[in-house]
C-alpha atoms as a PDB file:
ATOM      1  CA  MET A   1      -9.766 -23.304  -0.843  1.00  0.00           C
ATOM      2  CA  ARG A   2      -9.919 -22.356   2.844  1.00  0.00           C
ATOM      3  CA  LYS A   3     -13.250 -23.793   4.475  1.00  0.00           C
ATOM      4  CA  PHE A   4     -15.506 -21.239   5.912  1.00  0.00           C
ATOM      5  CA  SER A   5     -18.525 -21.125   7.827  1.00  0.00           C
ATOM      6  CA  GLY A   6     -22.093 -19.447   7.375  1.00  0.00           C
ATOM      7  CA  ILE A   7     -20.842 -16.244   9.408  1.00  0.00           C
ATOM      8  CA  LEU A   8     -17.932 -15.744   7.746  1.00  0.00           C
ATOM      9  CA  LEU A   9     -19.350 -16.738   4.615  1.00  0.00           C
ATOM     10  CA  LEU A  10     -21.749 -13.344   4.782  1.00  0.00           C
ATOM     11  CA  ALA A  11     -18.474 -11.420   6.174  1.00  0.00           C
ATOM     12  CA  VAL A  12     -16.626 -12.493   2.821  1.00  0.00           C
ATOM     13  CA  THR A  13     -19.946 -11.692   0.892  1.00  0.00           C
ATOM     14  CA  VAL A  14     -19.532  -8.117   2.737  1.00  0.00           C
ATOM     15  CA  VAL A  15     -16.124  -7.512   1.741  1.00  0.00           C
ATOM     16  CA  SER A  16     -16.212  -8.839  -1.663  1.00  0.00           C
ATOM     17  CA  SER A  17     -19.309  -6.849  -2.534  1.00  0.00           C
ATOM     18  CA  SER A  18     -16.778  -3.996  -1.676  1.00  0.00           C
ATOM     19  CA  CYS A  19     -13.993  -4.916  -4.041  1.00  0.00           C
ATOM     20  CA  LEU A  20     -15.933  -6.413  -6.964  1.00  0.00           C
ATOM     21  CA  LYS A  21     -18.332  -3.790  -9.044  1.00  0.00           C
ATOM     22  CA  LYS A  22     -21.738  -5.125 -10.330  1.00  0.00           C
ATOM     23  CA  VAL A  23     -21.290  -6.287 -13.704  1.00  0.00           C
ATOM     24  CA  GLU A  24     -24.090  -6.930 -16.323  1.00  0.00           C
ATOM     25  CA  HIS A  25     -24.231 -10.082 -18.286  1.00  0.00           C
ATOM     26  CA  ASN A  26     -26.188 -12.039 -20.617  1.00  0.00           C
ATOM     27  CA  PRO A  27     -28.438 -14.835 -18.963  1.00  0.00           C
ATOM     28  CA  SER A  28     -27.449 -17.372 -21.212  1.00  0.00           C
ATOM     29  CA  ASP A  29     -23.715 -16.851 -20.853  1.00  0.00           C
ATOM     30  CA  THR A  30     -21.723 -19.699 -19.378  1.00  0.00           C
ATOM     31  CA  LYS A  31     -20.643 -19.480 -16.008  1.00  0.00           C
ATOM     32  CA  GLU A  32     -17.129 -19.023 -16.789  1.00  0.00           C
ATOM     33  CA  THR A  33     -18.220 -16.138 -19.051  1.00  0.00           C
ATOM     34  CA  ALA A  34     -19.757 -14.493 -16.492  1.00  0.00           C
ATOM     35  CA  PHE A  35     -16.869 -14.595 -14.045  1.00  0.00           C
ATOM     36  CA  MET A  36     -14.996 -13.300 -17.216  1.00  0.00           C
ATOM     37  CA  TYR A  37     -17.020  -9.945 -16.883  1.00  0.00           C
ATOM     38  CA  ILE A  38     -16.430  -9.485 -13.186  1.00  0.00           C
ATOM     39  CA  MET A  39     -12.821  -9.991 -13.372  1.00  0.00           C
ATOM     40  CA  ASN A  40     -12.512  -7.742 -16.087  1.00  0.00           C
ATOM     41  CA  SER A  41     -14.310  -5.170 -13.790  1.00  0.00           C
ATOM     42  CA  TYR A  42     -12.284  -5.620 -10.488  1.00  0.00           C
ATOM     43  CA  ALA A  43      -9.186  -6.002 -12.137  1.00  0.00           C
ATOM     44  CA  ARG A  44      -9.336  -3.207 -14.396  1.00  0.00           C
ATOM     45  CA  SER A  45     -11.185  -1.107 -12.693  1.00  0.00           C
ATOM     46  CA  ASN A  46     -10.836  -1.718  -8.928  1.00  0.00           C
ATOM     47  CA  GLY A  47      -7.437  -3.331  -8.409  1.00  0.00           C
ATOM     48  CA  THR A  48      -5.422  -1.111 -10.851  1.00  0.00           C
ATOM     49  CA  ALA A  49      -7.065   2.208  -9.432  1.00  0.00           C
ATOM     50  CA  THR A  50      -6.331   1.489  -5.978  1.00  0.00           C
ATOM     51  CA  PHE A  51      -2.590  -0.112  -6.576  1.00  0.00           C
ATOM     52  CA  LYS A  52      -2.441   3.538  -8.779  1.00  0.00           C
ATOM     53  CA  ALA A  53      -3.655   5.847  -6.112  1.00  0.00           C
ATOM     54  CA  LEU A  54      -1.539   3.957  -3.286  1.00  0.00           C
ATOM     55  CA  ALA A  55       2.070   4.402  -5.504  1.00  0.00           C
ATOM     56  CA  ASP A  56       0.814   8.305  -6.541  1.00  0.00           C
ATOM     57  CA  ASN A  57      -0.330   9.115  -2.652  1.00  0.00           C
ATOM     58  CA  ALA A  58       3.113   7.732  -1.584  1.00  0.00           C
ATOM     59  CA  LEU A  59       4.758   9.694  -3.743  1.00  0.00           C
ATOM     60  CA  LEU A  60       2.814  13.184  -2.647  1.00  0.00           C
ATOM     61  CA  LEU A  61       3.346  11.922   0.809  1.00  0.00           C
ATOM     62  CA  SER A  62       7.314  11.414   0.044  1.00  0.00           C
ATOM     63  CA  ASN A  63       7.616  14.848  -1.790  1.00  0.00           C
ATOM     64  CA  THR A  64       5.674  16.849   0.936  1.00  0.00           C
ATOM     65  CA  SER A  65       7.728  15.224   3.614  1.00  0.00           C
ATOM     66  CA  ILE A  66      11.035  16.412   1.801  1.00  0.00           C
ATOM     67  CA  LEU A  67       9.632  20.027   0.958  1.00  0.00           C
ATOM     68  CA  ALA A  68       8.840  20.086   4.985  1.00  0.00           C
ATOM     69  CA  ARG A  69      12.096  19.523   5.653  1.00  0.00           C
ATOM     70  CA  ASN A  70      13.868  22.295   3.200  1.00  0.00           C
ATOM     71  CA  LYS A  71      11.322  24.635   4.896  1.00  0.00           C
ATOM     72  CA  ILE A  72      12.851  23.659   8.322  1.00  0.00           C
ATOM     73  CA  GLU A  73      15.882  25.236   7.137  1.00  0.00           C
ATOM     74  CA  THR A  74      14.492  28.599   6.802  1.00  0.00           C
ATOM     75  CA  GLU A  75      11.814  28.304   9.880  1.00  0.00           C
ATOM     76  CA  GLU A  76       8.824  28.378   6.905  1.00  0.00           C
ATOM     77  CA  LEU A  77       7.241  25.598   8.324  1.00  0.00           C
ATOM     78  CA  ASP A  78       3.878  25.926   9.056  1.00  0.00           C
ATOM     79  CA  ALA A  79       0.809  23.929  10.180  1.00  0.00           C
ATOM     80  CA  SER A  80      -0.870  23.657   6.711  1.00  0.00           C
ATOM     81  CA  ASP A  81       2.607  22.041   5.497  1.00  0.00           C
ATOM     82  CA  VAL A  82       2.042  19.089   8.116  1.00  0.00           C
ATOM     83  CA  LYS A  83      -1.794  19.060   7.474  1.00  0.00           C
ATOM     84  CA  SER A  84      -0.857  18.304   3.801  1.00  0.00           C
ATOM     85  CA  ILE A  85       1.740  15.582   4.497  1.00  0.00           C
ATOM     86  CA  CYS A  86      -1.057  13.820   7.118  1.00  0.00           C
ATOM     87  CA  ASN A  87      -3.742  13.857   4.366  1.00  0.00           C
ATOM     88  CA  TYR A  88      -1.604  12.021   1.984  1.00  0.00           C
ATOM     89  CA  TRP A  89      -0.532   9.714   4.512  1.00  0.00           C
ATOM     90  CA  VAL A  90      -4.434   8.912   5.555  1.00  0.00           C
ATOM     91  CA  SER A  91      -4.451   8.681   1.196  1.00  0.00           C
ATOM     92  CA  ALA A  92      -1.902   6.338   0.795  1.00  0.00           C
ATOM     93  CA  ARG A  93      -2.583   4.189   4.406  1.00  0.00           C
ATOM     94  CA  ASP A  94      -6.569   3.553   3.071  1.00  0.00           C
ATOM     95  CA  ASN A  95      -4.995   2.755  -0.177  1.00  0.00           C
ATOM     96  CA  TRP A  96      -2.584   0.261   1.043  1.00  0.00           C
ATOM     97  CA  PHE A  97      -5.434  -1.398   3.480  1.00  0.00           C
ATOM     98  CA  ARG A  98      -8.179  -1.730   0.701  1.00  0.00           C
ATOM     99  CA  VAL A  99      -5.497  -3.700  -1.486  1.00  0.00           C
ATOM    100  CA  LEU A 100      -4.412  -6.170   1.275  1.00  0.00           C
ATOM    101  CA  CYS A 101      -6.487  -8.778   0.825  1.00  0.00           C
ATOM    102  CA  LEU A 102      -5.257  -9.042  -2.762  1.00  0.00           C
ATOM    103  CA  PRO A 103      -3.751 -12.754  -2.743  1.00  0.00           C
ATOM    104  CA  VAL A 104      -2.278 -12.737  -6.135  1.00  0.00           C
ATOM    105  CA  MET A 105       1.109 -11.658  -5.274  1.00  0.00           C
ATOM    106  CA  SER A 106       4.657 -13.398  -4.655  1.00  0.00           C
ATOM    107  CA  GLU A 107       5.796 -14.321  -1.216  1.00  0.00           C
ATOM    108  CA  GLU A 108       8.065 -11.348  -1.568  1.00  0.00           C
ATOM    109  CA  ASP A 109       5.726  -8.895  -2.428  1.00  0.00           C
ATOM    110  CA  GLU A 110       3.338  -9.931   0.058  1.00  0.00           C
ATOM    111  CA  ALA A 111       6.339  -9.438   2.919  1.00  0.00           C
ATOM    112  CA  LEU A 112       6.999  -5.560   1.372  1.00  0.00           C
ATOM    113  CA  PHE A 113       3.501  -5.243   1.197  1.00  0.00           C
ATOM    114  CA  ARG A 114       2.375  -6.064   4.906  1.00  0.00           C
ATOM    115  CA  ASN A 115       5.961  -4.572   5.936  1.00  0.00           C
ATOM    116  CA  ILE A 116       4.852  -1.202   5.428  1.00  0.00           C
ATOM    117  CA  GLY A 117       2.041  -1.305   7.382  1.00  0.00           C
ATOM    118  CA  THR A 118       3.660  -2.772  10.312  1.00  0.00           C
ATOM    119  CA  TRP A 119       1.610  -1.934  13.703  1.00  0.00           C
ATOM    120  CA  PRO A 120       2.061  -0.995  16.385  1.00  0.00           C
ATOM    121  CA  ALA A 121       4.871   1.275  16.284  1.00  0.00           C
ATOM    122  CA  ASP A 122       7.921   0.683  18.521  1.00  0.00           C
ATOM    123  CA  THR A 123       7.612   4.301  19.651  1.00  0.00           C
ATOM    124  CA  THR A 124      10.429   3.750  22.323  1.00  0.00           C
ATOM    125  CA  GLY A 125      12.450   2.544  19.818  1.00  0.00           C
ATOM    126  CA  ILE A 126      11.907   5.568  17.037  1.00  0.00           C
ATOM    127  CA  LYS A 127      12.682   8.348  20.077  1.00  0.00           C
ATOM    128  CA  GLU A 128      15.979   6.205  20.165  1.00  0.00           C
ATOM    129  CA  THR A 129      16.562   6.641  16.718  1.00  0.00           C
ATOM    130  CA  ILE A 130      15.761  10.345  16.605  1.00  0.00           C
ATOM    131  CA  ALA A 131      18.390  10.653  19.667  1.00  0.00           C
ATOM    132  CA  LYS A 132      21.012   8.656  17.725  1.00  0.00           C
ATOM    133  CA  ILE A 133      20.738  11.019  14.501  1.00  0.00           C
ATOM    134  CA  GLU A 134      20.703  14.228  16.488  1.00  0.00           C
ATOM    135  CA  GLY A 135      23.724  12.865  18.427  1.00  0.00           C
ATOM    136  CA  GLY A 136      25.322  12.761  15.198  1.00  0.00           C
ATOM    137  CA  GLU A 137      24.825   9.073  13.962  1.00  0.00           C
ATOM    138  CA  SER A 138      23.954   8.513  10.217  1.00  0.00           C
ATOM    139  CA  LEU A 139      20.388   6.828   9.502  1.00  0.00           C
ATOM    140  CA  ASN A 140      20.009   3.704   8.258  1.00  0.00           C
ATOM    141  CA  LEU A 141      16.731   2.000   7.686  1.00  0.00           C
ATOM    142  CA  SER A 142      17.394  -0.984   6.541  1.00  0.00           C
ATOM    143  CA  GLN A 143      18.938  -1.611   9.720  1.00  0.00           C
ATOM    144  CA  LEU A 144      15.683  -0.873  11.694  1.00  0.00           C
ATOM    145  CA  PRO A 145      13.011  -3.216  12.705  1.00  0.00           C
ATOM    146  CA  GLN A 146       9.691  -3.029  10.386  1.00  0.00           C
ATOM    147  CA  ASN A 147       8.190  -1.535  13.619  1.00  0.00           C
ATOM    148  CA  GLN A 148      10.008   1.718  13.393  1.00  0.00           C
ATOM    149  CA  ARG A 149       9.473   1.857   9.998  1.00  0.00           C
ATOM    150  CA  GLY A 150       6.206   2.007   7.424  1.00  0.00           C
ATOM    151  CA  PHE A 151       3.059   3.910   7.716  1.00  0.00           C
ATOM    152  CA  SER A 152       3.318   3.292  11.738  1.00  0.00           C
ATOM    153  CA  ALA A 153       6.425   5.042  12.055  1.00  0.00           C
ATOM    154  CA  ALA A 154       5.010   7.767   9.766  1.00  0.00           C
ATOM    155  CA  GLU A 155       1.823   7.825  11.902  1.00  0.00           C
ATOM    156  CA  PHE A 156       3.761   8.128  15.475  1.00  0.00           C
ATOM    157  CA  LEU A 157       5.960  11.292  13.708  1.00  0.00           C
ATOM    158  CA  LEU A 158       2.899  12.774  12.203  1.00  0.00           C
ATOM    159  CA  TYR A 159       0.086  12.823  15.083  1.00  0.00           C
ATOM    160  CA  GLN A 160       0.500  12.941  18.784  1.00  0.00           C
ATOM    161  CA  ILE A 161      -2.005  12.578  21.512  1.00  0.00           C
ATOM    162  CA  ARG A 162      -3.231  15.637  23.699  1.00  0.00           C
ATOM    163  CA  ASP A 163      -5.619  14.839  26.184  1.00  0.00           C
ATOM    164  CA  GLY A 164      -6.282  11.397  25.129  1.00  0.00           C
ATOM    165  CA  LYS A 165      -6.935  12.532  21.769  1.00  0.00           C
ATOM    166  CA  SER A 166      -4.634  11.868  18.320  1.00  0.00           C
ATOM    167  CA  GLU A 167      -4.075  15.417  16.949  1.00  0.00           C
ATOM    168  CA  GLN A 168      -2.068  16.209  13.780  1.00  0.00           C
ATOM    169  CA  HIS A 169       1.522  17.535  15.125  1.00  0.00           C
ATOM    170  CA  SER A 170       2.254  20.530  15.356  1.00  0.00           C
ATOM    171  CA  PRO A 171       4.860  22.522  13.194  1.00  0.00           C
ATOM    172  CA  ASP A 172       7.738  22.157  15.666  1.00  0.00           C
ATOM    173  CA  TYR A 173       9.968  19.718  14.294  1.00  0.00           C
ATOM    174  CA  SER A 174      13.359  19.107  15.030  1.00  0.00           C
ATOM    175  CA  ALA A 175      15.685  18.942  11.613  1.00  0.00           C
ATOM    176  CA  SER A 176      16.283  15.197  13.068  1.00  0.00           C
ATOM    177  CA  GLN A 177      12.420  14.368  12.939  1.00  0.00           C
ATOM    178  CA  LEU A 178      11.626  15.213   9.732  1.00  0.00           C
ATOM    179  CA  ASP A 179      15.277  13.643   8.685  1.00  0.00           C
ATOM    180  CA  TYR A 180      13.503  10.419  10.017  1.00  0.00           C
ATOM    181  CA  LEU A 181      10.265  10.972   8.028  1.00  0.00           C
ATOM    182  CA  CYS A 182      11.622  11.523   4.790  1.00  0.00           C
ATOM    183  CA  ALA A 183      13.270   8.456   5.466  1.00  0.00           C
ATOM    184  CA  VAL A 184      10.202   6.618   6.244  1.00  0.00           C
ATOM    185  CA  THR A 185       8.093   8.254   3.370  1.00  0.00           C
ATOM    186  CA  GLU A 186      10.979   7.548   0.855  1.00  0.00           C
ATOM    187  CA  GLU A 187      10.781   3.664   1.404  1.00  0.00           C
ATOM    188  CA  ILE A 188       6.733   3.456   1.414  1.00  0.00           C
ATOM    189  CA  LYS A 189       7.005   5.624  -1.618  1.00  0.00           C
ATOM    190  CA  VAL A 190       9.522   2.849  -3.541  1.00  0.00           C
ATOM    191  CA  ALA A 191       7.432  -0.017  -1.891  1.00  0.00           C
ATOM    192  CA  SER A 192       4.211   1.133  -3.198  1.00  0.00           C
ATOM    193  CA  THR A 193       5.142   1.919  -6.662  1.00  0.00           C
ATOM    194  CA  LEU A 194       7.056  -1.436  -7.029  1.00  0.00           C
ATOM    195  CA  LEU A 195       3.779  -2.930  -5.914  1.00  0.00           C
ATOM    196  CA  TYR A 196       2.060  -0.806  -8.400  1.00  0.00           C
ATOM    197  CA  ALA A 197       4.135  -2.259 -11.039  1.00  0.00           C
ATOM    198  CA  ASN A 198       3.947  -5.526 -10.272  1.00  0.00           C
ATOM    199  CA  TRP A 199       0.149  -5.327 -10.475  1.00  0.00           C
ATOM    200  CA  ALA A 200      -0.054  -3.587 -13.701  1.00  0.00           C
ATOM    201  CA  GLY A 201       2.848  -5.179 -15.391  1.00  0.00           C
ATOM    202  CA  SER A 202       6.244  -2.971 -16.278  1.00  0.00           C
ATOM    203  CA  GLU A 203       5.145  -2.465 -19.974  1.00  0.00           C
ATOM    204  CA  ASN A 204       2.196  -0.625 -18.856  1.00  0.00           C
ATOM    205  CA  LEU A 205       3.923   1.725 -16.376  1.00  0.00           C
ATOM    206  CA  ALA A 206       4.042   5.677 -17.567  1.00  0.00           C
ATOM    207  CA  ASP A 207       8.004   6.711 -17.677  1.00  0.00           C
ATOM    208  CA  SER A 208       7.573   8.150 -14.150  1.00  0.00           C
ATOM    209  CA  TYR A 209       6.997   5.190 -11.940  1.00  0.00           C
ATOM    210  CA  ALA A 210       9.624   3.292 -14.552  1.00  0.00           C
ATOM    211  CA  SER A 211      12.119   5.903 -13.954  1.00  0.00           C
ATOM    212  CA  LEU A 212      11.755   5.721 -10.091  1.00  0.00           C
ATOM    213  CA  LEU A 213      12.243   1.824 -10.492  1.00  0.00           C
ATOM    214  CA  GLN A 214      15.438   2.553 -11.773  1.00  0.00           C
ATOM    215  CA  ARG A 215      16.769   4.869  -9.743  1.00  0.00           C
ATOM    216  CA  TYR A 216      16.729   2.069  -7.176  1.00  0.00           C
ATOM    217  CA  SER A 217      17.510  -0.452  -9.249  1.00  0.00           C
ATOM    218  CA  LEU A 218      14.224  -2.643  -9.205  1.00  0.00           C
ATOM    219  CA  THR A 219      12.744  -4.586 -11.738  1.00  0.00           C
ATOM    220  CA  ALA A 220       8.921  -5.017 -11.635  1.00  0.00           C
ATOM    221  CA  GLN A 221       6.729  -7.960 -13.193  1.00  0.00           C
ATOM    222  CA  THR A 222       6.487  -7.781 -17.060  1.00  0.00           C
ATOM    223  CA  ARG A 223       2.776  -8.507 -17.525  1.00  0.00           C
ATOM    224  CA  GLY A 224       1.818  -8.033 -13.928  1.00  0.00           C
ATOM    225  CA  TYR A 225      -0.557  -9.758 -11.850  1.00  0.00           C
ATOM    226  CA  ALA A 226      -3.844  -7.996 -12.777  1.00  0.00           C
ATOM    227  CA  TRP A 227      -2.769  -9.562 -16.858  1.00  0.00           C
ATOM    228  CA  GLU A 228      -2.817 -12.862 -15.070  1.00  0.00           C
ATOM    229  CA  LEU A 229      -6.182 -12.875 -13.594  1.00  0.00           C
ATOM    230  CA  LEU A 230      -7.309 -11.648 -17.072  1.00  0.00           C
ATOM    231  CA  ASN A 231      -5.762 -14.450 -19.012  1.00  0.00           C
ATOM    232  CA  PRO A 232      -6.310 -17.685 -17.427  1.00  0.00           C
ATOM    233  CA  GLY A 233      -5.366 -20.620 -18.789  1.00  0.00           C
ATOM    234  CA  GLN A 234      -2.168 -18.499 -20.662  1.00  0.00           C
ATOM    235  CA  ASP A 235       1.202 -19.821 -20.009  1.00  0.00           C
ATOM    236  CA  GLU A 236       2.497 -17.257 -18.247  1.00  0.00           C
ATOM    237  CA  SER A 237      -0.813 -17.201 -15.895  1.00  0.00           C
ATOM    238  CA  ARG A 238      -0.822 -19.012 -12.479  1.00  0.00           C
ATOM    239  CA  PHE A 239      -4.922 -19.420 -13.164  1.00  0.00           C
ATOM    240  CA  GLY A 240      -6.471 -21.690 -15.535  1.00  0.00           C
ATOM    241  CA  THR A 241      -9.718 -20.680 -15.389  1.00  0.00           C
ATOM    242  CA  TYR A 242     -12.099 -17.292 -14.536  1.00  0.00           C
ATOM    243  CA  GLN A 243     -13.450 -19.411 -11.692  1.00  0.00           C
ATOM    244  CA  GLU A 244      -9.918 -20.344 -10.047  1.00  0.00           C
ATOM    245  CA  ALA A 245      -8.845 -16.860 -10.085  1.00  0.00           C
ATOM    246  CA  LEU A 246     -11.837 -15.556  -8.679  1.00  0.00           C
ATOM    247  CA  LEU A 247     -11.741 -18.265  -5.806  1.00  0.00           C
ATOM    248  CA  LYS A 248      -8.527 -17.050  -5.283  1.00  0.00           C
ATOM    249  CA  LEU A 249      -9.745 -13.572  -4.952  1.00  0.00           C
ATOM    250  CA  ILE A 250     -11.860 -14.608  -2.156  1.00  0.00           C
ATOM    251  CA  ASP A 251      -9.520 -16.550  -0.275  1.00  0.00           C
ATOM    252  CA  GLY A 252      -7.859 -13.322  -0.222  1.00  0.00           C
ATOM    253  CA  CYS A 253     -11.182 -11.708   1.509  1.00  0.00           C
ATOM    254  CA  ILE A 254     -11.472 -14.410   3.782  1.00  0.00           C
ATOM    255  CA  ALA A 255      -7.953 -14.305   4.837  1.00  0.00           C
ATOM    256  CA  PHE A 256      -8.298 -10.338   5.528  1.00  0.00           C
ATOM    257  CA  VAL A 257     -11.852 -10.864   7.769  1.00  0.00           C
ATOM    258  CA  GLU A 258      -9.901 -13.510   9.667  1.00  0.00           C
ATOM    259  CA  GLU A 259      -6.985 -11.118  10.323  1.00  0.00           C
ATOM    260  CA  PHE A 260      -8.724  -7.886  10.740  1.00  0.00           C
ATOM    261  CA  GLY A 261     -11.979  -8.558  11.733  1.00  0.00           C
END
C-alpha cells in the first residue's frame, strides 16, 4: 500500500467517507467481519449503482445525439434538444468521475476508463476533423487521438465560450458537427456499458446491456469486479481478505486525490 502523510490521510478520509456508506455492526464482531459489512455496502450499493448510472446516462447521451442528428435534416432541432444532450453529458460525466478512484479494474479497463475522460480537448484538431467530414472524408474515430474523443470532445461540441463564460451550444449545428458528436457519444456509450458489465459481471446483466455488447463483439467478465470484492479468499478473487480489498479501495482514493487534488 502506498505510503501517505497526515494531510493526505485526511483527504483520503474525506473521499472515502463519500464512497463508503455508514453501516451498523455488532461491536463484538471481528475486524474482518466489520470490513465485510463495509464492503457489502460499498460494492452492492455505491459501486454497482454508480457504474449502472454511468452506462444508462451514456446510453441516453448517445440516443439524444442521434435524435438531434435526425432532426437537423428536417430543421426541427431546437434549444431544448441541445439542453437534453447537455444534461445527459453532465450526468454521465459526473458518474464517470465518481467511480474514477476504483482500483480494482484490469489495466485494459483502466486505460479505457481514462481514455473517455481525456482533458483538455484538442479543439484545433476537432475543428480540422469536422472540416474533413464536410469535405467528404469518412470519420474513423479510432484513428483520432484521445483528446479528440470522449467526454472532452463532446464538451467542446456541446458548449461554447461567450463573453468569457461557458454556455450551452445554440442549435445551429451543421450535419458534420452532429455526425462527429454522434460518433463520440457512441464510443462513450459502448465503453461505459463495458465498464459497467465488467464491474457487475456478465452473469448479472440485463438483456439490454448484454445485447449491446454482443453487437460490438465485446465480452465482459463473468462474475465481475464487485464479486471479487465481496468474495475474498475464493479462487477467482484477487483479494485474500476483506481488509485487503478495502485497503485496495483506499489506495484508489489516494491515487484520485494525488491526481486531481
